C-alpha atoms as a PDB file:
ATOM      1  CA  MET A   1       0.111   0.063   0.177  1.00  0.00           C
ATOM      2  CA  ARG A   2       1.447   3.621  -1.102  1.00  0.00           C
ATOM      3  CA  LEU A   3       1.558   6.001   1.737  1.00  0.00           C
ATOM      4  CA  SER A   4       0.427   9.606   0.813  1.00  0.00           C
ATOM      5  CA  VAL A   5       3.207  12.254   0.303  1.00  0.00           C
ATOM      6  CA  PHE A   6       1.852  15.372   2.408  1.00  0.00           C
ATOM      7  CA  LYS A   7       3.226  18.490   1.075  1.00  0.00           C
ATOM      8  CA  THR A   8       5.583  20.509   3.502  1.00  0.00           C
ATOM      9  CA  TYR A   9       5.284  24.208   3.109  1.00  0.00           C
ATOM     10  CA  LYS A  10       7.787  26.584   3.692  1.00  0.00           C
ATOM     11  CA  LEU A  11       8.108  30.431   3.783  1.00  0.00           C
ATOM     12  CA  PHE A  12       9.497  32.529   0.726  1.00  0.00           C
ATOM     13  CA  ILE A  13      12.200  34.861   1.707  1.00  0.00           C
ATOM     14  CA  GLY A  14      15.226  35.843  -0.817  1.00  0.00           C
ATOM     15  CA  GLY A  15      14.341  33.634  -3.340  1.00  0.00           C
ATOM     16  CA  ALA A  16      14.875  30.411  -1.090  1.00  0.00           C
ATOM     17  CA  PHE A  17      12.482  28.453   1.230  1.00  0.00           C
ATOM     18  CA  PRO A  18      13.710  28.756   4.651  1.00  0.00           C
ATOM     19  CA  ARG A  19      11.497  26.843   7.582  1.00  0.00           C
ATOM     20  CA  SER A  20      10.496  29.442  10.117  1.00  0.00           C
ATOM     21  CA  GLU A  21      13.567  30.533  12.134  1.00  0.00           C
ATOM     22  CA  SER A  22      11.651  29.520  15.264  1.00  0.00           C
ATOM     23  CA  GLY A  23      10.891  26.123  13.994  1.00  0.00           C
ATOM     24  CA  ARG A  24       7.200  26.835  14.751  1.00  0.00           C
ATOM     25  CA  VAL A  25       4.234  25.622  12.534  1.00  0.00           C
ATOM     26  CA  TYR A  26       0.648  26.050  13.093  1.00  0.00           C
ATOM     27  CA  GLN A  27      -2.472  24.267  12.152  1.00  0.00           C
ATOM     28  CA  VAL A  28      -4.456  25.362   9.058  1.00  0.00           C
ATOM     29  CA  THR A  29      -8.103  24.010   8.818  1.00  0.00           C
ATOM     30  CA  ASP A  30     -10.720  24.186   6.179  1.00  0.00           C
ATOM     31  CA  PRO A  31     -13.989  26.254   7.396  1.00  0.00           C
ATOM     32  CA  GLY A  32     -15.547  22.677   8.979  1.00  0.00           C
ATOM     33  CA  GLY A  33     -12.077  22.706  10.862  1.00  0.00           C
ATOM     34  CA  ASN A  34     -10.626  19.789   9.164  1.00  0.00           C
ATOM     35  CA  TRP A  35      -7.017  19.628   9.184  1.00  0.00           C
ATOM     36  CA  LEU A  36      -5.269  20.503   5.899  1.00  0.00           C
ATOM     37  CA  ALA A  37      -1.669  21.181   6.521  1.00  0.00           C
ATOM     38  CA  ASN A  38       0.976  22.714   9.116  1.00  0.00           C
ATOM     39  CA  ALA A  39       2.049  26.034   7.849  1.00  0.00           C
ATOM     40  CA  PRO A  40       5.206  27.577   9.045  1.00  0.00           C
ATOM     41  CA  GLN A  41       4.717  30.301  11.529  1.00  0.00           C
ATOM     42  CA  ALA A  42       7.238  33.086  10.837  1.00  0.00           C
ATOM     43  CA  SER A  43       8.820  35.160  13.564  1.00  0.00           C
ATOM     44  CA  ARG A  44       9.778  38.467  13.820  1.00  0.00           C
ATOM     45  CA  LYS A  45      13.336  37.502  12.863  1.00  0.00           C
ATOM     46  CA  ASP A  46      11.749  36.077   9.582  1.00  0.00           C
ATOM     47  CA  ALA A  47      10.142  39.358   9.148  1.00  0.00           C
ATOM     48  CA  ARG A  48      13.465  41.327   9.342  1.00  0.00           C
ATOM     49  CA  ASP A  49      15.362  38.929   7.240  1.00  0.00           C
ATOM     50  CA  ALA A  50      12.605  39.413   4.572  1.00  0.00           C
ATOM     51  CA  VAL A  51      13.017  43.119   4.640  1.00  0.00           C
ATOM     52  CA  VAL A  52      16.676  42.604   3.953  1.00  0.00           C
ATOM     53  CA  ALA A  53      16.011  40.491   1.365  1.00  0.00           C
ATOM     54  CA  ALA A  54      13.608  42.846  -0.030  1.00  0.00           C
ATOM     55  CA  ARG A  55      15.946  45.881   0.348  1.00  0.00           C
ATOM     56  CA  LYS A  56      18.619  43.975  -1.371  1.00  0.00           C
ATOM     57  CA  ALA A  57      16.474  43.289  -4.306  1.00  0.00           C
ATOM     58  CA  PHE A  58      15.010  46.754  -4.605  1.00  0.00           C
ATOM     59  CA  PRO A  59      17.676  48.637  -6.584  1.00  0.00           C
ATOM     60  CA  GLY A  60      17.930  45.866  -9.768  1.00  0.00           C
ATOM     61  CA  TRP A  61      14.180  45.472  -9.619  1.00  0.00           C
ATOM     62  CA  SER A  62      13.419  49.264  -9.374  1.00  0.00           C
ATOM     63  CA  ARG A  63      16.072  49.838 -12.419  1.00  0.00           C
ATOM     64  CA  ALA A  64      14.605  47.109 -14.597  1.00  0.00           C
ATOM     65  CA  THR A  65      12.914  48.131 -17.692  1.00  0.00           C
ATOM     66  CA  ALA A  66       9.167  48.388 -17.451  1.00  0.00           C
ATOM     67  CA  TYR A  67       9.227  46.039 -20.519  1.00  0.00           C
ATOM     68  CA  ASN A  68      11.180  43.451 -18.577  1.00  0.00           C
ATOM     69  CA  ARG A  69       8.935  43.839 -15.500  1.00  0.00           C
ATOM     70  CA  GLY A  70       5.987  43.179 -17.502  1.00  0.00           C
ATOM     71  CA  GLN A  71       7.110  39.946 -19.231  1.00  0.00           C
ATOM     72  CA  ILE A  72       7.976  38.644 -15.727  1.00  0.00           C
ATOM     73  CA  LEU A  73       4.345  39.231 -14.573  1.00  0.00           C
ATOM     74  CA  TYR A  74       3.199  37.612 -17.685  1.00  0.00           C
ATOM     75  CA  ARG A  75       5.458  34.758 -17.033  1.00  0.00           C
ATOM     76  CA  VAL A  76       3.966  34.463 -13.465  1.00  0.00           C
ATOM     77  CA  ALA A  77       0.687  34.270 -14.969  1.00  0.00           C
ATOM     78  CA  GLU A  78       1.847  31.441 -17.243  1.00  0.00           C
ATOM     79  CA  MET A  79       3.375  29.400 -14.599  1.00  0.00           C
ATOM     80  CA  LEU A  80      -0.161  30.086 -12.427  1.00  0.00           C
ATOM     81  CA  GLN A  81      -2.050  28.695 -15.467  1.00  0.00           C
ATOM     82  CA  GLY A  82       0.115  25.567 -15.376  1.00  0.00           C
ATOM     83  CA  ARG A  83      -0.611  24.687 -11.798  1.00  0.00           C
ATOM     84  CA  ARG A  84      -4.420  25.589 -12.394  1.00  0.00           C
ATOM     85  CA  GLU A  85      -5.544  22.397 -10.628  1.00  0.00           C
ATOM     86  CA  GLN A  86      -3.350  22.613  -7.551  1.00  0.00           C
ATOM     87  CA  PHE A  87      -4.471  25.981  -6.822  1.00  0.00           C
ATOM     88  CA  ALA A  88      -7.767  25.355  -7.648  1.00  0.00           C
ATOM     89  CA  ALA A  89      -7.845  22.552  -4.957  1.00  0.00           C
ATOM     90  CA  GLU A  90      -6.022  24.759  -2.280  1.00  0.00           C
ATOM     91  CA  VAL A  91      -8.754  27.783  -2.623  1.00  0.00           C
ATOM     92  CA  ALA A  92     -11.499  25.299  -2.514  1.00  0.00           C
ATOM     93  CA  ALA A  93      -9.941  23.985   0.754  1.00  0.00           C
ATOM     94  CA  ALA A  94      -9.246  26.879   1.955  1.00  0.00           C
ATOM     95  CA  GLU A  95     -12.607  29.091   1.128  1.00  0.00           C
ATOM     96  CA  GLY A  96     -15.187  26.077   1.328  1.00  0.00           C
ATOM     97  CA  LEU A  97     -15.835  26.761  -2.649  1.00  0.00           C
ATOM     98  CA  SER A  98     -17.196  24.013  -4.683  1.00  0.00           C
ATOM     99  CA  PRO A  99     -14.313  22.975  -7.538  1.00  0.00           C
ATOM    100  CA  ALA A 100     -15.857  25.112 -10.036  1.00  0.00           C
ATOM    101  CA  GLN A 101     -16.021  28.189  -7.968  1.00  0.00           C
ATOM    102  CA  ALA A 102     -12.361  27.747  -6.934  1.00  0.00           C
ATOM    103  CA  ALA A 103     -11.385  27.328 -10.601  1.00  0.00           C
ATOM    104  CA  ALA A 104     -13.088  30.504 -11.120  1.00  0.00           C
ATOM    105  CA  GLN A 105     -10.986  32.253  -8.581  1.00  0.00           C
ATOM    106  CA  VAL A 106      -7.816  30.934 -10.046  1.00  0.00           C
ATOM    107  CA  ASP A 107      -8.580  31.900 -13.629  1.00  0.00           C
ATOM    108  CA  ALA A 108      -9.550  35.375 -12.519  1.00  0.00           C
ATOM    109  CA  ALA A 109      -6.189  35.490 -10.374  1.00  0.00           C
ATOM    110  CA  THR A 110      -4.301  34.601 -13.635  1.00  0.00           C
ATOM    111  CA  ASP A 111      -6.157  37.295 -15.601  1.00  0.00           C
ATOM    112  CA  ARG A 112      -5.153  39.841 -13.025  1.00  0.00           C
ATOM    113  CA  TRP A 113      -1.462  39.168 -13.050  1.00  0.00           C
ATOM    114  CA  VAL A 114      -1.865  39.539 -16.937  1.00  0.00           C
ATOM    115  CA  TRP A 115      -3.841  42.834 -16.427  1.00  0.00           C
ATOM    116  CA  TYR A 116      -1.232  44.299 -14.080  1.00  0.00           C
ATOM    117  CA  ALA A 117       1.390  43.188 -16.310  1.00  0.00           C
ATOM    118  CA  GLY A 118       0.247  45.036 -19.019  1.00  0.00           C
ATOM    119  CA  TRP A 119       0.304  48.390 -16.913  1.00  0.00           C
ATOM    120  CA  SER A 120       4.210  47.998 -16.342  1.00  0.00           C
ATOM    121  CA  ASP A 121       4.913  50.318 -19.215  1.00  0.00           C
ATOM    122  CA  LYS A 122       1.756  52.463 -19.260  1.00  0.00           C
ATOM    123  CA  VAL A 123       1.814  53.755 -15.804  1.00  0.00           C
ATOM    124  CA  THR A 124       4.316  56.625 -16.342  1.00  0.00           C
ATOM    125  CA  GLN A 125       1.948  57.763 -19.166  1.00  0.00           C
ATOM    126  CA  VAL A 126      -0.936  58.314 -16.535  1.00  0.00           C
ATOM    127  CA  ALA A 127       0.969  59.575 -13.332  1.00  0.00           C
ATOM    128  CA  GLY A 128       3.486  61.492 -15.259  1.00  0.00           C
ATOM    129  CA  ALA A 129       3.061  65.043 -16.669  1.00  0.00           C
ATOM    130  CA  ALA A 130       5.035  67.608 -18.485  1.00  0.00           C
ATOM    131  CA  ASN A 131       4.090  70.664 -16.361  1.00  0.00           C
ATOM    132  CA  PRO A 132       3.192  74.274 -17.666  1.00  0.00           C
ATOM    133  CA  VAL A 133       5.653  76.638 -15.853  1.00  0.00           C
ATOM    134  CA  ALA A 134       6.234  80.049 -16.243  1.00  0.00           C
ATOM    135  CA  GLY A 135      10.162  80.435 -17.045  1.00  0.00           C
ATOM    136  CA  PRO A 136      12.222  78.924 -19.691  1.00  0.00           C
ATOM    137  CA  TYR A 137      12.576  75.700 -18.394  1.00  0.00           C
ATOM    138  CA  PHE A 138      11.119  72.010 -19.305  1.00  0.00           C
ATOM    139  CA  ASN A 139       9.517  70.717 -16.085  1.00  0.00           C
ATOM    140  CA  VAL A 140       8.544  66.933 -16.328  1.00  0.00           C
ATOM    141  CA  SER A 141       7.010  64.997 -13.417  1.00  0.00           C
ATOM    142  CA  SER A 142       7.505  61.047 -13.454  1.00  0.00           C
ATOM    143  CA  PRO A 143       6.481  58.335 -11.262  1.00  0.00           C
ATOM    144  CA  GLU A 144       9.572  56.198  -8.918  1.00  0.00           C
ATOM    145  CA  PRO A 145       8.577  53.041  -6.923  1.00  0.00           C
ATOM    146  CA  THR A 146       8.616  53.914  -3.053  1.00  0.00           C
ATOM    147  CA  GLY A 147      10.437  51.296  -1.834  1.00  0.00           C
ATOM    148  CA  VAL A 148       9.881  47.980   0.239  1.00  0.00           C
ATOM    149  CA  VAL A 149       6.251  47.557   0.921  1.00  0.00           C
ATOM    150  CA  ALA A 150       4.812  45.153   3.570  1.00  0.00           C
ATOM    151  CA  VAL A 151       1.563  44.004   2.335  1.00  0.00           C
ATOM    152  CA  LEU A 152      -0.902  42.120   4.630  1.00  0.00           C
ATOM    153  CA  ALA A 153      -2.928  39.823   2.594  1.00  0.00           C
ATOM    154  CA  PRO A 154      -6.769  39.714   2.961  1.00  0.00           C
ATOM    155  CA  ALA A 155      -8.186  36.645   4.625  1.00  0.00           C
ATOM    156  CA  GLU A 156     -11.369  36.365   2.957  1.00  0.00           C
ATOM    157  CA  SER A 157      -9.667  35.758  -0.733  1.00  0.00           C
ATOM    158  CA  SER A 158      -6.492  33.555  -0.297  1.00  0.00           C
ATOM    159  CA  LEU A 159      -5.399  33.585  -4.066  1.00  0.00           C
ATOM    160  CA  LEU A 160      -7.366  36.671  -5.908  1.00  0.00           C
ATOM    161  CA  GLY A 161      -7.238  38.868  -3.351  1.00  0.00           C
ATOM    162  CA  LEU A 162      -3.338  38.298  -2.712  1.00  0.00           C
ATOM    163  CA  VAL A 163      -2.785  38.616  -6.121  1.00  0.00           C
ATOM    164  CA  SER A 164      -4.750  42.009  -6.090  1.00  0.00           C
ATOM    165  CA  VAL A 165      -2.574  43.489  -3.454  1.00  0.00           C
ATOM    166  CA  LEU A 166       0.688  42.266  -4.584  1.00  0.00           C
ATOM    167  CA  ALA A 167       0.725  42.483  -8.216  1.00  0.00           C
ATOM    168  CA  PRO A 168       0.282  46.437  -8.211  1.00  0.00           C
ATOM    169  CA  VAL A 169       3.059  46.739  -5.684  1.00  0.00           C
ATOM    170  CA  ILE A 170       5.637  44.858  -7.760  1.00  0.00           C
ATOM    171  CA  VAL A 171       4.585  46.107 -11.363  1.00  0.00           C
ATOM    172  CA  THR A 172       5.611  49.346 -10.613  1.00  0.00           C
ATOM    173  CA  GLY A 173       9.326  48.576  -9.158  1.00  0.00           C
ATOM    174  CA  ASN A 174       8.723  48.015  -5.624  1.00  0.00           C
ATOM    175  CA  THR A 175       9.796  45.124  -3.658  1.00  0.00           C
ATOM    176  CA  ALA A 176       7.406  43.470  -1.447  1.00  0.00           C
ATOM    177  CA  VAL A 177       7.404  41.345   2.080  1.00  0.00           C
ATOM    178  CA  VAL A 178       3.754  39.710   2.156  1.00  0.00           C
ATOM    179  CA  VAL A 179       2.065  38.456   5.392  1.00  0.00           C
ATOM    180  CA  ALA A 180      -0.075  35.607   4.100  1.00  0.00           C
ATOM    181  CA  ALA A 181      -3.796  35.300   5.062  1.00  0.00           C
ATOM    182  CA  GLU A 182      -3.556  34.004   8.618  1.00  0.00           C
ATOM    183  CA  PRO A 183      -6.205  31.248   8.512  1.00  0.00           C
ATOM    184  CA  ALA A 184      -5.800  30.323   4.551  1.00  0.00           C
ATOM    185  CA  PRO A 185      -1.844  30.742   4.137  1.00  0.00           C
ATOM    186  CA  LEU A 186      -1.314  27.709   1.752  1.00  0.00           C
ATOM    187  CA  PRO A 187      -2.155  29.333  -1.909  1.00  0.00           C
ATOM    188  CA  ALA A 188      -0.009  32.189  -0.844  1.00  0.00           C
ATOM    189  CA  LEU A 189       2.947  29.754  -0.204  1.00  0.00           C
ATOM    190  CA  SER A 190       2.525  27.849  -3.316  1.00  0.00           C
ATOM    191  CA  LEU A 191       2.587  31.043  -5.033  1.00  0.00           C
ATOM    192  CA  GLY A 192       5.985  31.684  -3.640  1.00  0.00           C
ATOM    193  CA  GLU A 193       6.998  28.362  -5.578  1.00  0.00           C
ATOM    194  CA  VAL A 194       5.517  29.787  -8.721  1.00  0.00           C
ATOM    195  CA  LEU A 195       7.455  33.302  -8.270  1.00  0.00           C
ATOM    196  CA  ALA A 196      10.539  31.234  -7.665  1.00  0.00           C
ATOM    197  CA  THR A 197      10.352  29.828 -11.356  1.00  0.00           C
ATOM    198  CA  SER A 198       9.147  32.842 -13.029  1.00  0.00           C
ATOM    199  CA  ASP A 199      12.427  34.837 -13.598  1.00  0.00           C
ATOM    200  CA  LEU A 200      11.540  36.881 -10.641  1.00  0.00           C
ATOM    201  CA  PRO A 201      14.845  38.056  -9.236  1.00  0.00           C
ATOM    202  CA  GLY A 202      15.379  36.482  -5.582  1.00  0.00           C
ATOM    203  CA  GLY A 203      13.902  39.066  -2.731  1.00  0.00           C
ATOM    204  CA  VAL A 204      11.507  41.336  -5.133  1.00  0.00           C
ATOM    205  CA  VAL A 205       8.602  39.286  -3.116  1.00  0.00           C
ATOM    206  CA  ASN A 206       9.032  37.219   0.103  1.00  0.00           C
ATOM    207  CA  VAL A 207       5.910  35.516   1.680  1.00  0.00           C
ATOM    208  CA  LEU A 208       5.556  34.916   5.363  1.00  0.00           C
ATOM    209  CA  SER A 209       2.685  32.801   7.230  1.00  0.00           C
ATOM    210  CA  GLY A 210       1.968  33.053  10.505  1.00  0.00           C
ATOM    211  CA  LEU A 211      -0.103  35.348  13.075  1.00  0.00           C
ATOM    212  CA  THR A 212      -1.132  38.489  11.270  1.00  0.00           C
ATOM    213  CA  ALA A 213      -0.727  40.694  14.037  1.00  0.00           C
ATOM    214  CA  GLU A 214       2.608  38.959  15.519  1.00  0.00           C
ATOM    215  CA  LEU A 215       4.341  40.110  12.102  1.00  0.00           C
ATOM    216  CA  ALA A 216       2.475  43.220  11.319  1.00  0.00           C
ATOM    217  CA  ARG A 217       4.060  45.041  14.107  1.00  0.00           C
ATOM    218  CA  PRO A 218       7.521  44.718  13.562  1.00  0.00           C
ATOM    219  CA  LEU A 219       6.946  45.357   9.861  1.00  0.00           C
ATOM    220  CA  ALA A 220       4.857  48.526  10.743  1.00  0.00           C
ATOM    221  CA  ALA A 221       7.898  49.669  12.910  1.00  0.00           C
ATOM    222  CA  HIS A 222      10.654  48.790  10.737  1.00  0.00           C
ATOM    223  CA  GLN A 223      12.634  51.589   9.615  1.00  0.00           C
ATOM    224  CA  ASP A 224      13.941  50.242   6.306  1.00  0.00           C
ATOM    225  CA  VAL A 225       9.929  49.611   5.322  1.00  0.00           C
ATOM    226  CA  ASN A 226       8.808  52.406   3.149  1.00  0.00           C
ATOM    227  CA  ALA A 227       4.893  51.631   2.929  1.00  0.00           C
ATOM    228  CA  ILE A 228       2.517  49.235   4.342  1.00  0.00           C
ATOM    229  CA  ASP A 229      -0.803  47.929   2.979  1.00  0.00           C
ATOM    230  CA  LEU A 230      -3.187  47.159   5.796  1.00  0.00           C
ATOM    231  CA  THR A 231      -5.755  45.450   3.853  1.00  0.00           C
ATOM    232  CA  GLY A 232      -5.008  42.210   5.901  1.00  0.00           C
ATOM    233  CA  THR A 233      -6.144  43.703   9.161  1.00  0.00           C
ATOM    234  CA  GLY A 234      -9.888  43.330   7.997  1.00  0.00           C
ATOM    235  CA  GLN A 235     -12.210  44.465  10.498  1.00  0.00           C
ATOM    236  CA  ASP A 236      -9.482  44.793  13.448  1.00  0.00           C
ATOM    237  CA  THR A 237      -9.726  48.670  13.440  1.00  0.00           C
ATOM    238  CA  GLU A 238      -7.822  48.530  16.917  1.00  0.00           C
ATOM    239  CA  LEU A 239      -4.848  46.739  15.099  1.00  0.00           C
ATOM    240  CA  ALA A 240      -5.116  49.064  12.052  1.00  0.00           C
ATOM    241  CA  ARG A 241      -4.984  52.302  14.046  1.00  0.00           C
ATOM    242  CA  GLU A 242      -1.806  50.517  16.031  1.00  0.00           C
ATOM    243  CA  LEU A 243      -0.280  49.783  12.727  1.00  0.00           C
ATOM    244  CA  GLU A 244      -0.640  53.197  11.390  1.00  0.00           C
ATOM    245  CA  ARG A 245       0.848  54.998  14.664  1.00  0.00           C
ATOM    246  CA  ALA A 246       3.857  52.864  14.236  1.00  0.00           C
ATOM    247  CA  ALA A 247       4.191  53.446  10.462  1.00  0.00           C
ATOM    248  CA  ALA A 248       4.457  57.100  11.369  1.00  0.00           C
ATOM    249  CA  GLU A 249       7.566  56.813  12.995  1.00  0.00           C
ATOM    250  CA  ASN A 250       9.564  56.896   9.423  1.00  0.00           C
ATOM    251  CA  LEU A 251       6.828  58.561   7.541  1.00  0.00           C
ATOM    252  CA  LYS A 252       5.380  55.277   5.927  1.00  0.00           C
ATOM    253  CA  ARG A 253       2.845  55.292   3.150  1.00  0.00           C
ATOM    254  CA  VAL A 254      -0.303  53.633   4.447  1.00  0.00           C
ATOM    255  CA  PHE A 255      -2.940  52.398   2.507  1.00  0.00           C
ATOM    256  CA  ARG A 256      -5.956  51.855   4.651  1.00  0.00           C
ATOM    257  CA  PRO A 257      -8.361  48.791   4.823  1.00  0.00           C
ATOM    258  CA  ARG A 258     -11.607  49.155   3.182  1.00  0.00           C
ATOM    259  CA  ALA A 259     -14.445  47.071   1.705  1.00  0.00           C
ATOM    260  CA  GLU A 260     -13.318  45.435  -1.444  1.00  0.00           C
ATOM    261  CA  GLU A 261     -15.169  43.192  -3.945  1.00  0.00           C
ATOM    262  CA  TRP A 262     -12.164  41.117  -5.562  1.00  0.00           C
ATOM    263  CA  ALA A 263     -13.888  39.862  -8.236  1.00  0.00           C
ATOM    264  CA  ALA A 264     -14.538  43.350  -9.571  1.00  0.00           C
ATOM    265  CA  GLU A 265     -12.878  45.254 -12.113  1.00  0.00           C
ATOM    266  CA  GLN A 266      -9.715  46.763 -10.793  1.00  0.00           C
ATOM    267  CA  SER A 267      -8.793  50.373 -11.074  1.00  0.00           C
ATOM    268  CA  THR A 268      -5.096  52.148 -11.081  1.00  0.00           C
ATOM    269  CA  ASP A 269      -5.568  53.240  -7.496  1.00  0.00           C
ATOM    270  CA  ARG A 270      -3.316  50.257  -6.013  1.00  0.00           C
ATOM    271  CA  LEU A 271      -0.889  51.307  -8.741  1.00  0.00           C
ATOM    272  CA  LEU A 272      -0.459  54.821  -7.816  1.00  0.00           C
ATOM    273  CA  VAL A 273      -0.479  54.493  -4.110  1.00  0.00           C
ATOM    274  CA  PHE A 274       2.862  53.391  -3.735  1.00  0.00           C
ATOM    275  CA  LEU A 275       4.735  55.393  -6.345  1.00  0.00           C
ATOM    276  CA  GLU A 276       6.425  58.781  -5.336  1.00  0.00           C
ATOM    277  CA  THR A 277       6.607  61.561  -7.997  1.00  0.00           C
ATOM    278  CA  LYS A 278      10.089  63.151  -9.019  1.00  0.00           C
ATOM    279  CA  THR A 279      10.235  66.360 -10.896  1.00  0.00           C
ATOM    280  CA  VAL A 280      13.188  67.465 -12.794  1.00  0.00           C
ATOM    281  CA  TRP A 281      13.726  71.093 -14.018  1.00  0.00           C
ATOM    282  CA  HIS A 282      15.912  71.417 -17.010  1.00  0.00           C
ATOM    283  CA  PRO A 283      16.619  75.096 -18.846  1.00  0.00           C
ATOM    284  CA  MET A 284      15.343  75.471 -22.046  1.00  0.00           C
ATOM    285  CA  GLY A 285      18.163  76.024 -25.084  1.00  0.00           C
ATOM    286  CA  VAL A 286      18.009  79.661 -26.831  1.00  0.00           C
END
């Protein structure tokens, strides 16, 4: 009789797959309380390591051409589509969906990667400008990535919601430290495996699983994190306020949680919120 080979889920940090530094795991169950897997419970040290990896990757990723970033995101979509059955099974188990509903979520997540990939070489045209000024100058504004962004993934949408908050961060040249949805981290951890084989440089995306509040606090206070997306705090308004106060210490950009319909069409607001505007003055020739 052949024994089942259970999948070992690991963190994704700096392009590698370490276990939690503390060696801790926690049980992941389906909505009915049935055991699915043991997920690594990342520690504060893991969070700091992920920030180091994201910072190291930022110069190369932010300087990559928009065309190159778009091609890599499109490759992620290709790889995600190739593992459609695996992700559909994980999403179905995580969210209590039927196989057809879960497959639709995976298809929507794949389409969303493609949608954001297409914005890579267009966002500058939307967010940039040639400014009219009174004087003999060219005055041009252009968007630049903010830096390292901490992303708290939404708990209610383990894959589509995750893609919706992660893709706009990296397509614009930022690097990310993602805290997977605490009750349903398995699709996010599997997404790390897809990213590792999609030409994405190590450290551009780092995926942690564990207790959202435990990981969010050191990320919000970390002086080398430039922005934080609080979507994953959900209805915990007290935690969100605590994280905002911590983020203020180094003037992080903060994306506050809001009601979301993840299946709805996306807008460019998440693309623009993690961009800085650089304005250049240049004298005209006479």
